């Protein structure tokens, strides 16, 4: 493998990618990779995976749907996290004494 050509190809692909994070769709690979799995990765990694033939840039519609589903999953996770938070109110042990003092 010619390393100069390999890294040159990665740099060329990276220059064509405009956003800092790219949604890619995987290709089927011999080591068990599945076709069409969407993932959002930094553009350097996207360029490497495209150069190696393991992925391609997802089309705009698929990328938009992927990001919307990811945002919705985040909202649900935040709601679940908020629901599990326990709110505690501390009441002094001598509450009766405090109430007597307020009535007098």
N, C-alpha and C. Protein backbone atom coordinates (compact mmCIF):
# COMPACT_ATOMS: atom_id res chain seq x y z
N UNK A 1 0.84 -1.18 0.00
CA UNK A 1 0.00 0.00 0.00
C UNK A 1 0.88 1.24 0.00
N UNK A 2 0.57 2.15 -0.88
CA UNK A 2 1.29 3.41 -0.97
C UNK A 2 0.67 4.39 0.03
N UNK A 3 1.40 4.66 1.12
CA UNK A 3 0.86 5.50 2.18
C UNK A 3 0.65 6.95 1.74
N UNK A 4 1.53 7.44 0.87
CA UNK A 4 1.36 8.80 0.37
C UNK A 4 0.03 8.94 -0.37
N UNK A 5 -0.25 8.01 -1.24
CA UNK A 5 -1.49 8.05 -2.02
C UNK A 5 -2.70 7.91 -1.09
N UNK A 6 -2.60 7.03 -0.10
CA UNK A 6 -3.69 6.79 0.84
C UNK A 6 -4.04 8.08 1.60
N UNK A 7 -3.05 8.73 2.19
CA UNK A 7 -3.31 9.94 2.96
C UNK A 7 -3.68 11.12 2.07
N UNK A 8 -3.16 11.15 0.86
CA UNK A 8 -3.54 12.18 -0.10
C UNK A 8 -5.03 12.05 -0.45
N UNK A 9 -5.47 10.82 -0.64
CA UNK A 9 -6.87 10.57 -0.95
C UNK A 9 -7.76 11.00 0.22
N UNK A 10 -7.34 10.70 1.44
CA UNK A 10 -8.11 11.11 2.63
C UNK A 10 -8.21 12.63 2.69
N UNK A 11 -7.09 13.33 2.47
CA UNK A 11 -7.11 14.79 2.51
C UNK A 11 -8.01 15.37 1.43
N UNK A 12 -7.99 14.79 0.24
CA UNK A 12 -8.86 15.28 -0.84
C UNK A 12 -10.33 15.11 -0.49
N UNK A 13 -10.67 13.97 0.05
CA UNK A 13 -12.06 13.73 0.45
C UNK A 13 -12.45 14.69 1.57
N UNK A 14 -11.56 14.90 2.53
CA UNK A 14 -11.84 15.78 3.66
C UNK A 14 -12.11 17.21 3.19
N UNK A 15 -11.43 17.65 2.14
CA UNK A 15 -11.64 19.00 1.61
C UNK A 15 -13.03 19.15 0.99
N UNK A 16 -13.61 18.07 0.50
CA UNK A 16 -14.94 18.14 -0.10
C UNK A 16 -16.04 18.15 0.95
N UNK A 17 -15.73 17.72 2.16
CA UNK A 17 -16.73 17.69 3.23
C UNK A 17 -16.76 19.06 3.90
N UNK A 18 -17.92 19.70 3.90
CA UNK A 18 -18.01 21.08 4.36
C UNK A 18 -18.34 21.22 5.84
N UNK A 19 -19.11 20.31 6.39
CA UNK A 19 -19.54 20.42 7.79
C UNK A 19 -18.52 19.74 8.70
N UNK A 20 -18.45 20.16 9.98
CA UNK A 20 -17.51 19.52 10.90
C UNK A 20 -17.92 18.10 11.28
N UNK A 21 -19.23 17.80 11.23
CA UNK A 21 -19.72 16.45 11.50
C UNK A 21 -20.57 16.00 10.32
N UNK A 22 -20.32 14.78 9.86
CA UNK A 22 -20.95 14.26 8.66
C UNK A 22 -21.74 13.00 9.02
N UNK A 23 -22.93 12.87 8.44
CA UNK A 23 -23.70 11.63 8.59
C UNK A 23 -23.28 10.73 7.44
N UNK A 24 -22.80 9.53 7.79
CA UNK A 24 -22.36 8.56 6.79
C UNK A 24 -23.24 7.32 6.86
N UNK A 25 -23.31 6.62 5.74
CA UNK A 25 -24.03 5.35 5.67
C UNK A 25 -23.00 4.27 5.38
N UNK A 26 -23.05 3.21 6.14
CA UNK A 26 -22.04 2.16 6.01
C UNK A 26 -22.28 1.29 4.79
N UNK A 27 -21.21 0.64 4.34
CA UNK A 27 -21.27 -0.39 3.30
C UNK A 27 -21.13 -1.74 3.98
N UNK A 28 -21.60 -2.77 3.34
CA UNK A 28 -21.40 -4.12 3.88
C UNK A 28 -19.91 -4.47 3.73
N UNK A 29 -19.35 -5.03 4.80
CA UNK A 29 -17.94 -5.40 4.76
C UNK A 29 -17.77 -6.87 5.12
N UNK A 30 -16.62 -7.40 4.78
CA UNK A 30 -16.35 -8.81 5.04
C UNK A 30 -16.22 -9.12 6.53
N UNK A 31 -15.91 -8.10 7.33
CA UNK A 31 -15.74 -8.33 8.76
C UNK A 31 -17.02 -8.10 9.56
N UNK A 32 -18.17 -8.12 8.89
CA UNK A 32 -19.44 -8.05 9.59
C UNK A 32 -20.15 -6.71 9.54
N UNK A 33 -19.61 -5.75 8.81
CA UNK A 33 -20.28 -4.45 8.70
C UNK A 33 -21.59 -4.58 7.95
N UNK A 34 -22.61 -3.86 8.40
CA UNK A 34 -23.93 -3.94 7.79
C UNK A 34 -24.15 -2.76 6.85
N UNK A 35 -24.88 -3.00 5.81
CA UNK A 35 -25.19 -1.99 4.79
C UNK A 35 -26.20 -0.99 5.33
N UNK A 36 -25.93 0.31 5.11
CA UNK A 36 -26.91 1.35 5.37
C UNK A 36 -27.06 1.84 6.79
N UNK A 37 -26.18 1.47 7.70
CA UNK A 37 -26.26 1.96 9.08
C UNK A 37 -25.76 3.40 9.10
N UNK A 38 -26.60 4.31 9.60
CA UNK A 38 -26.23 5.73 9.64
C UNK A 38 -25.52 6.06 10.94
N UNK A 39 -24.49 6.90 10.82
CA UNK A 39 -23.70 7.34 11.97
C UNK A 39 -23.22 8.75 11.70
N UNK A 40 -23.16 9.57 12.75
CA UNK A 40 -22.61 10.91 12.61
C UNK A 40 -21.19 10.90 13.18
N UNK A 41 -20.23 11.31 12.35
CA UNK A 41 -18.82 11.26 12.75
C UNK A 41 -18.13 12.56 12.36
N UNK A 42 -16.97 12.86 12.99
CA UNK A 42 -16.19 14.03 12.56
C UNK A 42 -15.73 13.85 11.11
N UNK A 43 -15.52 14.95 10.42
CA UNK A 43 -15.22 14.84 8.99
C UNK A 43 -13.91 14.11 8.71
N UNK A 44 -12.94 14.15 9.64
CA UNK A 44 -11.69 13.42 9.43
C UNK A 44 -11.95 11.91 9.38
N UNK A 45 -12.77 11.42 10.29
CA UNK A 45 -13.09 10.00 10.31
C UNK A 45 -13.95 9.62 9.11
N UNK A 46 -14.88 10.51 8.74
CA UNK A 46 -15.72 10.25 7.57
C UNK A 46 -14.85 10.11 6.33
N UNK A 47 -13.87 11.00 6.17
CA UNK A 47 -12.98 10.94 5.01
C UNK A 47 -12.20 9.64 4.98
N UNK A 48 -11.73 9.19 6.15
CA UNK A 48 -10.98 7.95 6.23
C UNK A 48 -11.85 6.75 5.83
N UNK A 49 -13.08 6.72 6.37
CA UNK A 49 -13.96 5.58 6.08
C UNK A 49 -14.38 5.57 4.62
N UNK A 50 -14.58 6.74 4.03
CA UNK A 50 -14.93 6.82 2.61
C UNK A 50 -13.76 6.36 1.76
N UNK A 51 -12.55 6.80 2.10
CA UNK A 51 -11.35 6.42 1.34
C UNK A 51 -11.12 4.91 1.40
N UNK A 52 -11.45 4.30 2.53
CA UNK A 52 -11.27 2.85 2.68
C UNK A 52 -12.42 2.06 2.08
N UNK A 53 -13.46 2.74 1.63
CA UNK A 53 -14.60 2.06 1.01
C UNK A 53 -15.55 1.42 2.02
N UNK A 54 -15.49 1.86 3.27
CA UNK A 54 -16.35 1.28 4.29
C UNK A 54 -17.64 2.06 4.48
N UNK A 55 -17.72 3.29 3.89
CA UNK A 55 -18.91 4.11 4.06
C UNK A 55 -19.01 5.11 2.91
N UNK A 56 -20.16 5.78 2.88
CA UNK A 56 -20.40 6.86 1.92
C UNK A 56 -21.15 7.95 2.65
N UNK A 57 -21.15 9.15 2.10
CA UNK A 57 -21.90 10.24 2.71
C UNK A 57 -23.38 9.96 2.49
N UNK A 58 -24.17 10.07 3.55
CA UNK A 58 -25.61 9.85 3.45
C UNK A 58 -26.25 11.01 2.70
N UNK A 59 -27.34 10.73 2.00
CA UNK A 59 -28.02 11.81 1.29
C UNK A 59 -28.66 12.76 2.29
N UNK A 60 -29.03 13.95 1.82
CA UNK A 60 -29.54 15.00 2.72
C UNK A 60 -30.78 14.57 3.48
N UNK A 61 -31.69 13.91 2.81
CA UNK A 61 -32.94 13.49 3.45
C UNK A 61 -32.67 12.49 4.57
N UNK A 62 -31.82 11.52 4.31
CA UNK A 62 -31.49 10.52 5.33
C UNK A 62 -30.76 11.18 6.51
N UNK A 63 -29.86 12.12 6.22
CA UNK A 63 -29.12 12.81 7.28
C UNK A 63 -30.07 13.64 8.14
N UNK A 64 -31.02 14.31 7.50
CA UNK A 64 -31.99 15.13 8.24
C UNK A 64 -32.85 14.25 9.15
N UNK A 65 -33.35 13.13 8.62
CA UNK A 65 -34.15 12.20 9.42
C UNK A 65 -33.34 11.65 10.59
N UNK A 66 -32.08 11.31 10.34
CA UNK A 66 -31.20 10.77 11.38
C UNK A 66 -31.03 11.79 12.50
N UNK A 67 -30.77 13.04 12.15
CA UNK A 67 -30.56 14.07 13.16
C UNK A 67 -31.84 14.37 13.94
N UNK A 68 -32.99 14.32 13.27
CA UNK A 68 -34.26 14.53 13.96
C UNK A 68 -34.53 13.41 14.97
N UNK A 69 -34.29 12.17 14.55
CA UNK A 69 -34.48 11.04 15.47
C UNK A 69 -33.53 11.13 16.65
N UNK A 70 -32.31 11.56 16.40
CA UNK A 70 -31.32 11.70 17.47
C UNK A 70 -31.75 12.79 18.46
N UNK A 71 -32.28 13.91 17.95
CA UNK A 71 -32.75 14.99 18.82
C UNK A 71 -33.95 14.54 19.64
N UNK A 72 -34.86 13.78 19.03
CA UNK A 72 -36.02 13.27 19.75
C UNK A 72 -35.61 12.29 20.85
N UNK A 73 -34.66 11.43 20.54
CA UNK A 73 -34.16 10.49 21.55
C UNK A 73 -33.52 11.24 22.71
N UNK A 74 -32.81 12.32 22.43
CA UNK A 74 -32.21 13.14 23.48
C UNK A 74 -33.28 13.77 24.36
N UNK A 75 -34.35 14.27 23.74
CA UNK A 75 -35.45 14.86 24.53
C UNK A 75 -36.06 13.82 25.47
N UNK A 76 -36.31 12.61 24.96
CA UNK A 76 -36.87 11.55 25.80
C UNK A 76 -35.92 11.18 26.93
N UNK A 77 -34.64 11.11 26.63
CA UNK A 77 -33.65 10.77 27.67
C UNK A 77 -33.61 11.86 28.74
N UNK A 78 -33.69 13.12 28.32
CA UNK A 78 -33.70 14.22 29.29
C UNK A 78 -34.96 14.17 30.15
N UNK A 79 -36.10 13.84 29.55
CA UNK A 79 -37.35 13.72 30.31
C UNK A 79 -37.26 12.59 31.33
N UNK A 80 -36.70 11.46 30.91
CA UNK A 80 -36.53 10.34 31.84
C UNK A 80 -35.59 10.70 32.98
N UNK A 81 -34.54 11.43 32.67
CA UNK A 81 -33.59 11.83 33.71
C UNK A 81 -34.27 12.79 34.69
N UNK A 82 -35.08 13.70 34.18
CA UNK A 82 -35.80 14.62 35.07
C UNK A 82 -36.81 13.88 35.93
N UNK A 83 -37.45 12.86 35.37
CA UNK A 83 -38.46 12.11 36.12
C UNK A 83 -37.85 11.30 37.26
N UNK A 84 -36.61 10.91 37.12
CA UNK A 84 -35.98 10.09 38.17
C UNK A 84 -35.39 10.93 39.30
N UNK A 85 -35.34 12.24 39.09
CA UNK A 85 -34.81 13.11 40.15
C UNK A 85 -35.82 13.15 41.29
N UNK A 86 -35.35 12.99 42.49
CA UNK A 86 -36.20 13.01 43.67
C UNK A 86 -36.09 14.37 44.35
N UNK A 87 -37.24 14.97 44.59
CA UNK A 87 -37.24 16.24 45.30
C UNK A 87 -37.56 15.96 46.76
N UNK A 88 -36.78 16.54 47.63
CA UNK A 88 -36.92 16.30 49.06
C UNK A 88 -37.16 17.64 49.75
N UNK A 89 -38.13 17.65 50.66
CA UNK A 89 -38.37 18.83 51.48
C UNK A 89 -38.01 18.47 52.90
N UNK A 90 -37.13 19.24 53.49
CA UNK A 90 -36.71 18.99 54.86
C UNK A 90 -37.62 19.75 55.81
N UNK A 91 -38.18 19.03 56.77
CA UNK A 91 -39.06 19.64 57.76
C UNK A 91 -38.37 19.47 59.10
N UNK A 92 -38.26 20.57 59.86
CA UNK A 92 -37.60 20.45 61.16
C UNK A 92 -38.37 19.53 62.10
N UNK A 93 -37.66 18.85 62.96
CA UNK A 93 -38.28 17.90 63.89
C UNK A 93 -39.15 18.62 64.91
N UNK A 94 -38.81 19.83 65.25
CA UNK A 94 -39.58 20.55 66.25
C UNK A 94 -40.61 21.48 65.59
N UNK A 95 -41.35 20.96 64.63
CA UNK A 95 -42.35 21.72 63.89
C UNK A 95 -43.47 22.22 64.79
N UNK A 96 -43.87 21.41 65.77
CA UNK A 96 -44.95 21.83 66.69
C UNK A 96 -44.54 23.06 67.48
N UNK A 97 -43.30 23.10 67.92
CA UNK A 97 -42.82 24.25 68.68
C UNK A 97 -42.85 25.51 67.81
N UNK A 98 -42.48 25.33 66.56
CA UNK A 98 -42.45 26.48 65.65
C UNK A 98 -43.87 26.98 65.38
N UNK A 99 -44.84 26.06 65.25
CA UNK A 99 -46.22 26.45 65.03
C UNK A 99 -46.81 27.15 66.24
N UNK A 100 -46.49 26.70 67.47
CA UNK A 100 -46.97 27.34 68.70
C UNK A 100 -46.47 28.78 68.76
N UNK A 101 -45.22 28.97 68.41
CA UNK A 101 -44.64 30.31 68.46
C UNK A 101 -45.30 31.24 67.46
N UNK A 102 -45.73 30.74 66.31
CA UNK A 102 -46.36 31.55 65.30
C UNK A 102 -47.78 31.95 65.71
N UNK A 103 -48.48 31.09 66.47
CA UNK A 103 -49.85 31.37 66.90
C UNK A 103 -49.88 32.41 68.02
N UNK A 104 -48.87 32.45 68.85
CA UNK A 104 -48.86 33.35 70.01
C UNK A 104 -48.62 34.77 69.63
